[in-house]
Amino acid sequence: SRLDTFTEEKTKLLVEMGCEGMGIGFEHGDEEMRNNLLKKHLSDKQTFDGFKMIAKYHIFPTVNSMIGLPGETRENVFKTIEMNREISKILNGYHNINVFTFIPFSGTALRDVCIEKEYISKDDENSPCSLFAESTLNMPPPYLSKKEIKGLQKTIGLYIKLPKTYYSDIKIAEEDDEKGNEMFEKLLKLI
């Protein structure tokens, strides 16, 4: 469902029809990326208003976001993290969160962007089948590397759910080594 469609009347009708839960394509916390790259045409205010209406009527949403978009930086990812933290407050924890790795599917405008910017080859048809798979994009700095995307994918739930005082530990947990994996397991027990 789109967050800009949740009027009082429509949301009340959904509940009267027996709607208890739904998937919400929030997609990204950076308003510019959400609107210019993803073409969502959805402001931060509309996003928060939509979630407030969902919370008011006790509908259980699954909130879907993406990371690893073409031209995305760590700063952009943290805007998605921050918005998901705010959404969690609005929904009082009554929701699921999915954060998927962007896949440049054939036939999409974003695949064309990836080819144009040489993040993938136009001959590359090896799109992964899983939305949690390793990114196929090869982006130069300052954009996210495959390793950074993998580490953020691994830990994004921790960034969203744990207090910010844990951020330095979560950064360690992003690493795919003994120290990082031990920290990840330790932090995972906290949520």
Protein backbone atom coordinates (compact mmCIF):
# COMPACT_ATOMS: atom_id res chain seq x y z
CA SER A 1 0.00 0.00 0.00
CA ARG A 2 1.05 3.61 -0.53
CA LEU A 3 1.28 5.80 2.55
CA ASP A 4 -0.33 8.79 0.85
CA THR A 5 -3.61 6.89 0.41
CA PHE A 6 -4.44 6.49 4.11
CA THR A 7 -7.21 8.98 4.67
CA GLU A 8 -9.39 8.68 7.76
CA GLU A 9 -12.31 7.36 5.71
CA LYS A 10 -10.30 4.80 3.70
CA THR A 11 -8.41 3.51 6.73
CA LYS A 12 -11.60 3.12 8.74
CA LEU A 13 -13.18 1.22 5.82
CA LEU A 14 -10.19 -1.12 5.65
CA VAL A 15 -10.61 -2.01 9.31
CA GLU A 16 -14.38 -2.46 8.91
CA MET A 17 -13.64 -4.87 6.02
CA GLY A 18 -11.42 -6.94 8.32
CA CYS A 19 -7.96 -5.63 7.40
CA GLU A 20 -5.56 -6.51 10.19
CA GLY A 21 -2.22 -6.08 8.45
CA MET A 22 -0.56 -4.98 5.23
CA GLY A 23 2.73 -4.43 3.47
CA ILE A 24 3.89 -0.84 3.07
CA GLY A 25 6.42 0.15 0.41
CA PHE A 26 8.20 2.88 2.36
CA GLU A 27 11.38 2.17 0.34
CA HIS A 28 13.86 4.83 1.51
CA GLY A 29 14.40 7.45 4.20
CA ASP A 30 16.13 10.00 2.00
CA GLU A 31 13.27 12.06 0.58
CA GLU A 32 15.30 13.12 -2.47
CA MET A 33 16.26 9.52 -3.35
CA ARG A 34 12.73 8.30 -2.64
CA ASN A 35 11.21 10.87 -4.98
CA ASN A 36 13.83 11.48 -7.68
CA LEU A 37 15.41 8.05 -8.01
CA LEU A 38 12.54 5.77 -6.97
CA LYS A 39 9.77 8.08 -8.28
CA LYS A 40 7.62 7.53 -5.16
CA HIS A 41 6.46 11.18 -4.96
CA LEU A 42 5.97 10.82 -1.23
CA SER A 43 7.11 13.45 1.27
CA ASP A 44 8.40 12.71 4.76
CA LYS A 45 5.25 14.35 6.13
CA GLN A 46 2.99 12.09 4.04
CA THR A 47 5.02 9.12 5.22
CA PHE A 48 4.62 9.97 8.89
CA ASP A 49 0.94 10.94 8.47
CA GLY A 50 0.23 7.60 6.78
CA PHE A 51 1.87 5.65 9.60
CA LYS A 52 -0.01 7.72 12.20
CA MET A 53 -3.29 6.76 10.53
CA ILE A 54 -2.27 3.08 10.44
CA ALA A 55 -1.35 3.26 14.14
CA LYS A 56 -4.63 4.98 15.01
CA TYR A 57 -6.59 2.06 13.55
CA HIS A 58 -4.24 -0.65 14.89
CA ILE A 59 -3.38 -2.13 11.50
CA PHE A 60 -0.21 -4.25 11.68
CA PRO A 61 2.14 -3.14 8.88
CA THR A 62 5.22 -4.72 7.41
CA VAL A 63 7.44 -1.78 6.49
CA ASN A 64 9.62 -2.45 3.42
CA SER A 65 12.80 -0.46 2.72
CA MET A 66 15.84 -0.86 0.46
CA ILE A 67 19.55 -0.18 0.71
CA GLY A 68 22.28 -0.37 -1.91
CA LEU A 69 20.54 1.91 -4.40
CA PRO A 70 22.55 3.37 -7.28
CA GLY A 71 24.46 6.42 -6.01
CA GLU A 72 23.68 5.70 -2.36
CA THR A 73 26.05 6.76 0.42
CA ARG A 74 26.28 5.72 4.05
CA GLU A 75 24.62 9.04 4.92
CA ASN A 76 21.64 8.09 2.73
CA VAL A 77 21.34 4.71 4.49
CA PHE A 78 21.32 6.43 7.87
CA LYS A 79 18.37 8.56 6.72
CA THR A 80 16.53 5.28 6.10
CA ILE A 81 17.59 4.06 9.54
CA GLU A 82 16.43 7.30 11.20
CA MET A 83 13.05 7.24 9.46
CA ASN A 84 12.55 3.60 10.43
CA ARG A 85 13.37 4.52 14.04
CA GLU A 86 10.72 7.28 13.91
CA ILE A 87 8.22 4.96 12.25
CA SER A 88 8.83 2.41 15.03
CA LYS A 89 7.99 5.10 17.60
CA ILE A 90 4.80 6.06 15.78
CA LEU A 91 3.74 2.41 15.56
CA ASN A 92 4.87 1.72 19.15
CA GLY A 93 6.76 -1.35 17.93
CA TYR A 94 3.60 -2.89 16.46
CA HIS A 95 5.08 -3.76 13.05
CA ASN A 96 7.62 -5.78 11.09
CA ILE A 97 10.51 -4.24 9.21
CA ASN A 98 12.11 -5.63 6.05
CA VAL A 99 15.19 -3.99 4.59
CA PHE A 100 16.11 -5.49 1.24
CA THR A 101 19.19 -5.15 -0.94
CA PHE A 102 18.42 -3.29 -4.17
CA ILE A 103 18.43 -5.50 -7.28
CA PRO A 104 18.67 -3.93 -10.76
CA PHE A 105 15.99 -6.10 -12.37
CA SER A 106 15.95 -6.32 -16.16
CA GLY A 107 13.49 -3.99 -17.85
CA THR A 108 13.46 -1.40 -15.06
CA ALA A 109 14.51 2.24 -15.31
CA LEU A 110 16.87 1.80 -12.36
CA ARG A 111 18.71 -0.98 -14.19
CA ASP A 112 19.24 1.49 -17.04
CA VAL A 113 20.63 4.00 -14.52
CA CYS A 114 23.03 1.35 -13.20
CA ILE A 115 24.22 0.51 -16.71
CA GLU A 116 24.58 4.19 -17.66
CA LYS A 117 26.68 4.90 -14.57
CA GLU A 118 28.65 1.67 -15.16
CA TYR A 119 27.68 0.16 -11.79
CA ILE A 120 26.83 -3.02 -13.74
CA SER A 121 27.54 -4.21 -17.27
CA LYS A 122 24.70 -4.12 -19.80
CA ASP A 123 25.48 -7.78 -20.47
CA ASP A 124 25.12 -8.73 -16.80
CA GLU A 125 21.93 -10.77 -16.49
CA ASN A 126 22.89 -12.41 -13.21
CA SER A 127 20.36 -10.73 -10.91
CA PRO A 128 20.16 -12.62 -7.63
CA CYS A 129 16.92 -14.36 -6.74
CA SER A 130 16.97 -13.19 -3.12
CA LEU A 131 16.29 -9.64 -1.96
CA PHE A 132 18.83 -10.30 0.82
CA ALA A 133 21.60 -11.33 -1.61
CA GLU A 134 24.88 -9.50 -2.00
CA SER A 135 24.62 -6.35 -4.09
CA THR A 136 25.56 -6.68 -7.76
CA LEU A 137 26.53 -3.00 -8.04
CA ASN A 138 30.16 -1.88 -8.31
CA MET A 139 30.00 1.77 -7.23
CA PRO A 140 33.05 4.00 -6.80
CA PRO A 141 33.62 6.09 -3.65
CA PRO A 142 31.93 7.98 -2.10
CA TYR A 143 29.11 5.53 -2.85
CA LEU A 144 28.61 2.29 -0.97
CA SER A 145 30.85 -0.66 -1.80
CA LYS A 146 29.52 -4.22 -1.93
CA LYS A 147 31.22 -4.86 1.41
CA GLU A 148 29.57 -1.83 3.04
CA ILE A 149 26.15 -2.81 1.71
CA LYS A 150 26.61 -6.35 3.04
CA GLY A 151 27.65 -5.06 6.48
CA LEU A 152 24.76 -2.60 6.66
CA GLN A 153 22.29 -5.26 5.48
CA LYS A 154 23.55 -7.51 8.29
CA THR A 155 23.23 -4.86 11.01
CA ILE A 156 20.46 -2.50 9.91
CA GLY A 157 17.95 -4.06 12.30
CA LEU A 158 20.35 -3.35 15.16
CA TYR A 159 20.72 0.28 14.07
CA ILE A 160 16.95 0.64 13.95
CA LYS A 161 16.10 -1.12 17.21
CA LEU A 162 18.96 -0.37 19.60
CA PRO A 163 19.69 2.99 21.26
CA LYS A 164 22.25 5.18 19.48
CA THR A 165 24.71 4.57 22.31
CA TYR A 166 25.30 1.16 20.65
CA TYR A 167 26.18 2.60 17.22
CA SER A 168 29.96 2.24 17.64
CA ASP A 169 29.51 -1.43 18.60
CA ILE A 170 27.12 -1.97 15.68
CA LYS A 171 29.74 -0.49 13.33
CA ILE A 172 32.15 -3.19 14.56
CA ALA A 173 29.44 -5.80 13.95
CA GLU A 174 29.21 -4.73 10.29
CA GLU A 175 32.55 -6.45 9.65
CA ASP A 176 32.52 -10.04 8.42
CA ASP A 177 35.37 -11.22 10.63
CA GLU A 178 35.67 -12.91 14.03
CA LYS A 179 35.45 -9.68 16.04
CA GLY A 180 32.55 -8.37 13.97
CA ASN A 181 30.59 -11.62 14.12
CA GLU A 182 31.11 -11.93 17.89
CA MET A 183 29.85 -8.36 18.37
CA PHE A 184 26.89 -9.05 16.10
CA GLU A 185 25.85 -12.11 18.16
CA LYS A 186 26.25 -10.13 21.40
CA LEU A 187 24.10 -7.24 20.13
CA LEU A 188 21.50 -9.53 18.59
CA LYS A 189 20.76 -10.89 22.08
CA LEU A 190 19.74 -7.38 23.15
CA ILE A 191 16.82 -7.26 20.75
